[in-house]
Amino acid sequence: MDIFHTAQTKKGKALVCHSISRIRGKHHHVRYSLFFWIQNHMNTRKTGWPRVLRKAYDYRKGKQMRKFLWNCSSIFPLLLIYFVFTEDVSFSITEFHLYLDHSEACFLAVMITVIWLCSPFRTICCDGSWGVVFYNIFPIATVGMLNLAQWYFGMFVTMLIITAIAETVLLIGLKRAEKRHLITKKSQRKFYRLLPRYIVAVAVVVCAGPSLYNAVSNGFISPFYYEIQDYWRAILSNMDAKSDQEESANSLPENEVLWMCLDEDKWKTLSVQERITVLKHLMDYETDILDIPPIEIHAGLIGDATMGVYDHSINMIEINVEHLDLCPVEEVIDTVCHEVRHAFQWQVVDSIDWDNPVFQAPYFEEMRSWLENYHNYKSVWIYGYDEYENQPVEVDARDYAKKETERIMEKVRKSNEYSKSVDAS
């Protein structure tokens, strides 16, 4: 067969390239004469060997370029680690009782990345093909799913179910093809070899969309949990009025419901949002006692060592969601009363005209100490726990919270006893 017709087919191209390579090593002078003879002959034709060489060179160059671009995706895990260390990333998934502040979230992201990059999937996926991209995106998708779970837990579960179904369909399809002999043994071995790559790709494709949308809309910070008034109205609608056995004339039926919700057994059945709703009514009860304006409340991830904080600039109390979810109800009540007392102190300090000589009397000495303390407040992180605890505003808030918590828990106990006696009758 003519060598130029042979070069038009794939096998012919390989045969000619192999023949020339063999000639190159043994007969140097023959190699050049044969090559120039072929080149001169093919210049007289529209298609031929120079075009074959050009195509082979372009294909090899394109393959190397694609492999380089796939391998460039290895920067994605590094970008993930850089992002979690530079941004305020935190996770609070109440359904799992998982609460991670910034430092713990950074540690988790690093561990996920390191474990994944050292996993057996690396030898299968990192072969210079498209699987490298999905392999490097997988840690980002995993952290993104954790972020999705803390904002939309239902969507998180849905994505996991869809991923499991897609992986199952993939395996079932392979088994059916084997039973019906629709694929050859060679294709079967190749498919099993590439199966982990397809599993990773399916997981990334299914989870990447919702995770990316949530990251853009909500970021990677822990969500805030607010009260839900519908829950409180539902409680009131299902409760009978108990105005005939009130402890005082100022007590309201709603307060009786409040004491029932603050019972430890009932408290354990409430979600974080429902607990925030109950604490909102407890705070309204306390503000009425102290005669100060109503205060907003929400729960968020504010650090392991901080149970609650009052922000005077926006008149709002923030409760640590981990403390709210895991601690006994008595400790939560103490935290709320403590922060409400801080709000009362600020209200007193702001309402007094300190330039008036009347307020320089010894009677207002404690209030003046509050004013001086807030102007020179000692943070626990700078001055230590002892200095922080011995400040006038903290001593006063701690004493008030202790007494008020004991009084409230007594009301809760009496309400619980009354409910049991009513149920028994």
Protein backbone atom coordinates (compact mmCIF):
# COMPACT_ATOMS: atom_id res chain seq x y z
CA MET A 1 0.00 0.00 0.00
CA ASP A 2 1.23 3.51 -0.77
CA ILE A 3 2.63 5.24 2.29
CA PHE A 4 0.65 8.41 1.58
CA HIS A 5 -2.68 6.56 1.52
CA THR A 6 -1.65 4.75 4.67
CA ALA A 7 -1.11 8.08 6.41
CA GLN A 8 -4.78 9.07 5.88
CA THR A 9 -6.07 6.60 8.52
CA LYS A 10 -5.46 6.60 12.28
CA LYS A 11 -3.65 3.28 12.21
CA GLY A 12 -1.67 4.44 9.21
CA LYS A 13 -0.56 7.60 11.01
CA ALA A 14 0.64 5.57 13.95
CA LEU A 15 2.41 3.10 11.65
CA VAL A 16 4.24 5.81 9.71
CA CYS A 17 5.22 7.66 12.93
CA HIS A 18 6.50 4.40 14.42
CA SER A 19 8.43 3.55 11.26
CA ILE A 20 10.14 6.95 11.13
CA SER A 21 11.02 6.77 14.82
CA ARG A 22 12.68 3.37 14.26
CA ILE A 23 14.59 4.69 11.27
CA ARG A 24 15.73 7.69 13.35
CA GLY A 25 17.72 5.55 15.73
CA LYS A 26 19.38 3.16 13.23
CA HIS A 27 19.91 4.98 9.91
CA HIS A 28 20.46 8.64 10.44
CA HIS A 29 21.07 9.47 6.76
CA VAL A 30 18.11 7.39 5.62
CA ARG A 31 15.87 9.19 8.05
CA TYR A 32 16.53 12.62 6.58
CA SER A 33 16.35 11.49 2.96
CA LEU A 34 13.08 9.64 3.56
CA PHE A 35 11.56 12.56 5.45
CA PHE A 36 12.47 15.14 2.77
CA TRP A 37 11.30 12.81 0.04
CA ILE A 38 7.89 12.47 1.72
CA GLN A 39 7.70 16.21 2.33
CA ASN A 40 8.58 17.12 -1.25
CA HIS A 41 6.11 14.59 -2.61
CA MET A 42 3.26 15.75 -0.35
CA ASN A 43 3.79 19.40 -1.23
CA THR A 44 2.32 18.54 -4.60
CA ARG A 45 -0.94 17.37 -2.94
CA LYS A 46 -3.62 19.37 -1.10
CA THR A 47 -3.58 17.01 1.89
CA GLY A 48 -0.86 14.78 3.20
CA TRP A 49 1.79 14.05 5.76
CA PRO A 50 2.68 17.62 6.85
CA ARG A 51 -0.97 18.12 7.79
CA VAL A 52 -0.94 14.86 9.78
CA LEU A 53 2.10 16.03 11.72
CA ARG A 54 0.49 19.41 12.32
CA LYS A 55 -2.70 17.83 13.65
CA ALA A 56 -0.75 15.52 15.92
CA TYR A 57 1.29 18.42 17.28
CA ASP A 58 -1.82 20.59 17.82
CA TYR A 59 -3.62 17.74 19.62
CA ARG A 60 -0.68 17.10 21.91
CA LYS A 61 -0.30 20.80 22.64
CA GLY A 62 -4.04 21.14 23.38
CA LYS A 63 -3.98 18.11 25.67
CA GLN A 64 -1.08 19.54 27.62
CA MET A 65 -2.88 22.86 27.90
CA ARG A 66 -6.07 21.22 29.18
CA LYS A 67 -4.06 19.20 31.70
CA PHE A 68 -2.38 22.39 32.89
CA LEU A 69 -5.72 24.15 33.29
CA TRP A 70 -7.22 21.18 35.20
CA ASN A 71 -4.24 21.13 37.57
CA CYS A 72 -4.59 24.87 38.15
CA SER A 73 -7.83 24.08 40.01
CA SER A 74 -5.69 22.88 42.93
CA ILE A 75 -5.72 26.50 44.07
CA PHE A 76 -9.38 26.16 45.11
CA PRO A 77 -8.68 24.41 48.47
CA LEU A 78 -6.04 27.04 49.24
CA LEU A 79 -8.56 29.78 48.52
CA LEU A 80 -11.01 28.07 50.88
CA ILE A 81 -8.49 28.06 53.73
CA TYR A 82 -7.57 31.68 53.04
CA PHE A 83 -11.24 32.68 53.05
CA VAL A 84 -12.17 31.03 56.37
CA PHE A 85 -9.12 32.58 58.07
CA THR A 86 -9.73 36.11 56.77
CA GLU A 87 -13.54 36.22 57.06
CA ASP A 88 -15.77 35.84 60.11
CA VAL A 89 -16.87 32.28 59.37
CA SER A 90 -18.87 30.39 62.02
CA PHE A 91 -21.41 27.57 62.13
CA SER A 92 -24.41 27.02 64.38
CA ILE A 93 -26.62 24.09 63.35
CA THR A 94 -29.20 23.75 66.11
CA GLU A 95 -30.65 20.53 64.69
CA PHE A 96 -27.27 18.84 65.20
CA HIS A 97 -26.40 20.85 68.34
CA LEU A 98 -23.26 21.90 66.46
CA TYR A 99 -21.82 25.29 67.38
CA LEU A 100 -18.43 26.37 66.03
CA ASP A 101 -16.97 29.84 66.49
CA HIS A 102 -14.46 31.34 64.08
CA SER A 103 -11.38 29.50 65.36
CA GLU A 104 -13.21 26.15 65.45
CA ALA A 105 -14.63 26.74 61.97
CA CYS A 106 -11.12 27.44 60.65
CA PHE A 107 -9.84 24.23 62.21
CA LEU A 108 -12.73 22.25 60.70
CA ALA A 109 -12.14 23.70 57.22
CA VAL A 110 -8.43 22.88 57.38
CA MET A 111 -9.11 19.32 58.56
CA ILE A 112 -11.68 18.73 55.82
CA THR A 113 -9.24 19.98 53.19
CA VAL A 114 -6.24 18.02 54.47
CA ILE A 115 -8.14 14.76 54.94
CA TRP A 116 -9.72 15.04 51.50
CA LEU A 117 -6.45 15.86 49.74
CA CYS A 118 -4.83 12.84 51.39
CA SER A 119 -7.71 10.48 50.63
CA PRO A 120 -7.54 7.58 48.11
CA PHE A 121 -9.72 9.59 45.74
CA ARG A 122 -6.65 11.64 44.84
CA THR A 123 -4.95 8.84 42.92
CA ILE A 124 -8.14 8.22 40.93
CA CYS A 125 -9.31 11.76 40.23
CA CYS A 126 -5.99 13.58 39.79
CA ASP A 127 -4.91 12.19 36.44
CA GLY A 128 -4.89 15.41 34.46
CA SER A 129 -8.52 15.10 33.33
CA TRP A 130 -11.73 16.90 34.25
CA GLY A 131 -11.95 14.88 37.48
CA VAL A 132 -9.24 17.07 39.00
CA VAL A 133 -11.57 20.08 38.98
CA PHE A 134 -14.40 18.31 40.84
CA TYR A 135 -11.89 16.78 43.24
CA ASN A 136 -10.51 20.20 44.18
CA ILE A 137 -13.97 21.78 44.45
CA PHE A 138 -15.27 19.05 46.79
CA PRO A 139 -13.90 20.62 50.06
CA ILE A 140 -15.52 23.93 49.11
CA ALA A 141 -18.81 22.16 48.45
CA THR A 142 -18.58 20.39 51.83
CA VAL A 143 -18.06 23.63 53.77
CA GLY A 144 -20.78 25.22 51.67
CA MET A 145 -23.21 22.47 52.66
CA LEU A 146 -22.43 23.08 56.35
CA ASN A 147 -23.22 26.74 55.77
CA LEU A 148 -26.44 25.76 54.00
CA ALA A 149 -27.46 23.53 56.92
CA GLN A 150 -27.32 26.37 59.44
CA TRP A 151 -29.59 28.58 57.33
CA TYR A 152 -31.87 26.12 55.51
CA PHE A 153 -31.70 22.76 57.20
CA GLY A 154 -34.59 21.38 55.15
CA MET A 155 -32.82 22.23 51.89
CA PHE A 156 -29.63 20.69 53.25
CA VAL A 157 -31.40 17.39 53.94
CA THR A 158 -33.06 17.55 50.50
CA MET A 159 -29.70 17.98 48.77
CA LEU A 160 -28.27 15.01 50.65
CA ILE A 161 -31.24 12.86 49.62
CA ILE A 162 -30.93 13.96 45.97
CA THR A 163 -27.20 13.18 46.01
CA ALA A 164 -27.82 9.74 47.51
CA ILE A 165 -30.52 9.02 44.91
CA ALA A 166 -28.25 10.13 42.03
CA GLU A 167 -25.39 7.95 43.27
CA THR A 168 -27.76 5.00 43.71
CA VAL A 169 -29.17 5.40 40.19
CA LEU A 170 -25.62 5.46 38.85
CA LEU A 171 -24.75 2.17 40.55
CA ILE A 172 -28.07 0.51 39.64
CA GLY A 173 -27.59 1.48 36.00
CA LEU A 174 -24.18 -0.13 36.00
CA LYS A 175 -25.48 -3.35 37.56
CA ARG A 176 -28.30 -3.59 35.02
CA ALA A 177 -25.87 -3.03 32.16
CA GLU A 178 -23.71 -5.86 33.51
CA LYS A 179 -26.62 -8.29 33.77
CA ARG A 180 -27.85 -7.52 30.26
CA HIS A 181 -24.31 -7.66 28.87
CA LEU A 182 -24.69 -4.18 27.39
CA ILE A 183 -21.07 -3.32 28.14
CA THR A 184 -17.89 -5.24 27.51
CA LYS A 185 -15.56 -6.48 30.22
CA LYS A 186 -13.05 -3.86 29.23
CA SER A 187 -15.62 -1.06 29.50
CA GLN A 188 -16.81 -2.48 32.80
CA ARG A 189 -13.32 -2.41 34.30
CA LYS A 190 -12.79 1.10 33.01
CA PHE A 191 -16.11 2.25 34.47
CA TYR A 192 -15.34 0.76 37.88
CA ARG A 193 -11.96 2.44 37.80
CA LEU A 194 -13.57 5.80 37.07
CA LEU A 195 -16.58 5.29 39.36
CA PRO A 196 -15.16 7.31 42.31
CA ARG A 197 -14.56 10.19 39.91
CA TYR A 198 -18.21 10.13 38.84
CA ILE A 199 -19.35 9.92 42.47
CA VAL A 200 -17.36 13.04 43.36
CA ALA A 201 -18.61 14.87 40.27
CA VAL A 202 -22.28 14.10 41.01
CA ALA A 203 -21.93 15.21 44.64
CA VAL A 204 -20.30 18.49 43.64
CA VAL A 205 -22.78 19.25 40.85
CA VAL A 206 -25.84 18.60 43.06
CA CYS A 207 -24.57 20.54 46.09
CA ALA A 208 -22.72 23.41 44.41
CA GLY A 209 -25.79 25.34 43.25
CA PRO A 210 -27.70 25.69 46.56
CA SER A 211 -24.46 26.19 48.51
CA LEU A 212 -23.32 28.98 46.20
CA TYR A 213 -26.72 30.70 46.32
CA ASN A 214 -26.78 30.58 50.11
CA ALA A 215 -23.18 31.85 50.36
CA VAL A 216 -24.00 34.82 48.15
CA SER A 217 -27.27 35.69 49.91
CA ASN A 218 -26.33 34.99 53.56
CA GLY A 219 -22.56 34.74 53.69
CA PHE A 220 -20.75 32.33 55.99
CA ILE A 221 -21.75 33.84 59.34
CA SER A 222 -23.96 32.15 61.89
CA PRO A 223 -27.66 33.06 61.55
CA PHE A 224 -29.58 35.03 64.16
CA TYR A 225 -32.64 33.46 65.77
CA TYR A 226 -35.59 35.74 66.48
CA GLU A 227 -38.85 35.23 68.28
CA ILE A 228 -41.88 33.75 66.53
CA GLN A 229 -45.09 35.36 67.76
CA ASP A 230 -47.25 32.69 66.16
CA TYR A 231 -45.94 30.18 68.66
CA TRP A 232 -46.94 32.31 71.64
CA ARG A 233 -50.41 32.97 70.21
CA ALA A 234 -50.80 29.22 69.63
CA ILE A 235 -49.96 28.57 73.27
CA LEU A 236 -52.46 31.13 74.49
CA SER A 237 -55.20 29.79 72.25
CA ASN A 238 -54.72 26.28 73.66
CA MET A 239 -54.58 27.34 77.30
CA ASP A 240 -57.58 27.84 79.57
CA ALA A 241 -57.73 31.08 81.54
CA LYS A 242 -56.65 30.65 85.15
CA SER A 243 -57.58 33.99 86.65
CA ASP A 244 -59.32 32.53 89.73
CA GLN A 245 -56.10 31.48 91.49
CA GLU A 246 -53.67 34.27 90.69
CA GLU A 247 -50.93 35.09 93.17
CA SER A 248 -51.60 38.82 93.01
CA ALA A 249 -53.98 41.22 91.40
CA ASN A 250 -51.31 42.34 88.93
CA SER A 251 -50.65 38.85 87.59
CA LEU A 252 -51.85 38.06 84.09
CA PRO A 253 -52.88 34.74 82.55
CA GLU A 254 -50.01 35.15 80.09
CA ASN A 255 -47.56 35.10 82.98
CA GLU A 256 -49.00 31.81 84.13
CA VAL A 257 -48.31 30.44 80.67
CA LEU A 258 -44.82 31.92 80.88
CA TRP A 259 -44.07 30.03 84.09
CA MET A 260 -45.28 26.82 82.52
CA CYS A 261 -42.97 27.33 79.52
CA LEU A 262 -40.02 27.93 81.84
CA ASP A 263 -40.47 24.54 83.45
CA GLU A 264 -37.41 22.39 82.71
CA ASP A 265 -39.37 19.52 81.17
CA LYS A 266 -41.31 21.86 78.90
CA TRP A 267 -38.17 23.85 78.08
CA LYS A 268 -36.38 20.80 76.72
CA THR A 269 -39.11 20.27 74.10
CA LEU A 270 -38.83 23.79 72.65
CA SER A 271 -36.78 24.75 69.62
CA VAL A 272 -34.35 27.68 69.67
CA GLN A 273 -36.89 30.01 68.06
CA GLU A 274 -39.56 28.98 70.54
CA ARG A 275 -37.19 29.54 73.45
CA ILE A 276 -36.40 33.01 72.12
CA THR A 277 -40.16 33.70 72.06
CA VAL A 278 -40.50 32.63 75.70
CA LEU A 279 -37.50 34.74 76.73
CA LYS A 280 -38.97 37.75 74.94
CA HIS A 281 -42.03 37.54 77.20
CA LEU A 282 -39.82 36.98 80.23
CA MET A 283 -37.89 40.11 79.29
CA ASP A 284 -41.13 42.08 78.89
CA TYR A 285 -42.07 40.90 82.37
CA GLU A 286 -38.73 42.13 83.76
CA THR A 287 -38.86 45.49 81.97
CA ASP A 288 -42.30 46.09 83.45
CA ILE A 289 -40.90 45.43 86.93
CA LEU A 290 -37.92 47.75 86.38
CA ASP A 291 -40.06 50.32 84.51
CA ILE A 292 -37.78 50.61 81.47
CA PRO A 293 -38.60 50.54 77.74
CA PRO A 294 -39.01 47.16 75.99
CA ILE A 295 -35.83 45.46 74.78
CA GLU A 296 -35.29 43.41 71.64
CA ILE A 297 -33.70 39.97 71.91
CA HIS A 298 -32.18 37.48 69.52
CA ALA A 299 -29.76 34.56 69.67
CA GLY A 300 -26.50 34.21 67.81
CA LEU A 301 -23.05 32.67 68.02
CA ILE A 302 -21.10 35.16 70.14
CA GLY A 303 -18.33 32.95 71.56
CA ASP A 304 -18.07 30.12 74.04
CA ALA A 305 -17.19 32.31 77.02
CA THR A 306 -20.03 34.82 76.49
CA MET A 307 -23.52 33.76 77.53
CA GLY A 308 -25.22 37.06 76.74
CA VAL A 309 -24.52 40.71 76.01
CA TYR A 310 -26.55 43.93 76.10
CA ASP A 311 -25.93 46.48 73.34
CA HIS A 312 -26.86 49.91 74.67
CA SER A 313 -26.58 51.62 71.27
CA ILE A 314 -29.46 49.59 69.77
CA ASN A 315 -31.18 48.53 73.02
CA MET A 316 -30.92 44.82 72.27
CA ILE A 317 -29.86 41.70 74.15
CA GLU A 318 -28.06 38.92 72.30
CA ILE A 319 -28.02 35.45 73.84
CA ASN A 320 -25.42 32.87 72.89
CA VAL A 321 -27.36 30.31 70.87
CA GLU A 322 -25.17 27.48 72.19
CA HIS A 323 -25.89 28.56 75.76
CA LEU A 324 -29.58 28.84 74.94
CA ASP A 325 -29.73 25.39 73.40
CA LEU A 326 -27.61 23.35 75.80
CA CYS A 327 -27.80 24.99 79.23
CA PRO A 328 -30.55 24.43 81.84
CA VAL A 329 -33.42 26.90 81.87
CA GLU A 330 -32.35 28.35 85.23
CA GLU A 331 -29.00 29.47 83.82
CA VAL A 332 -30.74 31.03 80.82
CA ILE A 333 -33.13 32.95 83.10
CA ASP A 334 -30.16 34.19 85.13
CA THR A 335 -28.48 35.43 81.93
CA VAL A 336 -31.61 37.29 80.78
CA CYS A 337 -32.13 38.93 84.19
CA HIS A 338 -28.43 39.89 84.29
CA GLU A 339 -28.58 41.62 80.90
CA VAL A 340 -31.91 43.30 81.66
CA ARG A 341 -30.32 44.76 84.77
CA HIS A 342 -27.54 46.22 82.58
CA ALA A 343 -30.25 47.85 80.47
CA PHE A 344 -31.76 49.30 83.65
CA GLN A 345 -28.36 50.68 84.70
CA TRP A 346 -27.90 52.39 81.35
CA GLN A 347 -31.44 53.83 81.58
CA VAL A 348 -30.68 55.29 85.00
CA VAL A 349 -27.30 56.69 83.98
CA ASP A 350 -28.70 58.32 80.83
CA SER A 351 -31.76 59.82 82.55
CA ILE A 352 -29.90 61.68 85.29
CA ASP A 353 -28.54 65.21 84.84
CA TRP A 354 -25.17 64.74 86.47
CA ASP A 355 -24.41 68.47 86.33
CA ASN A 356 -27.19 69.07 88.84
CA PRO A 357 -25.72 69.39 92.38
CA VAL A 358 -28.64 67.40 93.77
CA PHE A 359 -27.29 64.20 92.21
CA GLN A 360 -23.94 64.66 93.94
CA ALA A 361 -25.49 63.59 97.25
CA PRO A 362 -24.38 60.30 98.87
CA TYR A 363 -27.78 58.81 98.03
CA PHE A 364 -26.73 58.62 94.34
CA GLU A 365 -23.27 57.25 95.05
CA GLU A 366 -24.05 53.80 93.61
CA MET A 367 -25.46 55.34 90.42
CA ARG A 368 -22.37 57.53 90.05
CA SER A 369 -20.26 54.39 90.33
CA TRP A 370 -22.27 52.92 87.45
CA LEU A 371 -21.54 56.01 85.36
CA GLU A 372 -17.82 55.92 86.10
CA ASN A 373 -17.72 52.16 85.52
CA TYR A 374 -19.33 52.39 82.07
CA HIS A 375 -16.89 55.14 81.12
CA ASN A 376 -14.01 52.89 82.22
CA TYR A 377 -15.39 49.42 81.63
CA LYS A 378 -12.91 46.57 82.15
CA SER A 379 -13.16 43.79 79.61
CA VAL A 380 -12.55 40.26 80.79
CA TRP A 381 -10.23 39.67 77.84
CA ILE A 382 -7.91 42.51 78.87
CA TYR A 383 -8.13 42.80 82.65
CA GLY A 384 -8.95 39.22 83.58
CA TYR A 385 -11.94 37.54 85.16
CA ASP A 386 -11.46 38.91 88.71
CA GLU A 387 -11.28 42.55 87.62
CA TYR A 388 -14.29 42.04 85.39
CA GLU A 389 -16.40 40.39 88.12
CA ASN A 390 -15.64 43.05 90.76
CA GLN A 391 -16.88 46.02 88.71
CA PRO A 392 -19.85 47.85 90.28
CA VAL A 393 -22.17 47.27 87.32
CA GLU A 394 -21.34 43.56 87.23
CA VAL A 395 -21.74 43.10 90.97
CA ASP A 396 -25.14 44.79 90.90
CA ALA A 397 -26.32 42.85 87.83
CA ARG A 398 -25.15 39.57 89.30
CA ASP A 399 -26.91 40.16 92.63
CA TYR A 400 -30.14 41.20 90.93
CA ALA A 401 -30.07 38.22 88.56
CA LYS A 402 -29.53 35.77 91.42
CA LYS A 403 -32.46 37.08 93.47
CA GLU A 404 -34.76 37.44 90.47
CA THR A 405 -33.94 33.96 89.17
CA GLU A 406 -34.80 32.44 92.56
CA ARG A 407 -38.10 34.32 92.60
CA ILE A 408 -39.00 33.27 89.06
CA MET A 409 -38.08 29.64 89.66
CA GLU A 410 -40.35 29.67 92.72
CA LYS A 411 -43.20 30.89 90.53
CA VAL A 412 -42.39 28.16 88.01
CA ARG A 413 -42.44 25.53 90.75
CA LYS A 414 -45.80 26.72 92.10
CA SER A 415 -47.26 26.88 88.59
CA ASN A 416 -46.07 23.34 87.92
CA GLU A 417 -47.62 22.09 91.16
CA TYR A 418 -50.89 23.82 90.34
CA SER A 419 -50.97 22.30 86.84
CA LYS A 420 -50.41 18.82 88.27
CA SER A 421 -53.19 19.30 90.80
CA VAL A 422 -55.57 20.44 88.07
CA ASP A 423 -54.66 17.45 85.90
CA ALA A 424 -55.15 15.12 88.86
CA SER A 425 -58.58 16.53 89.57
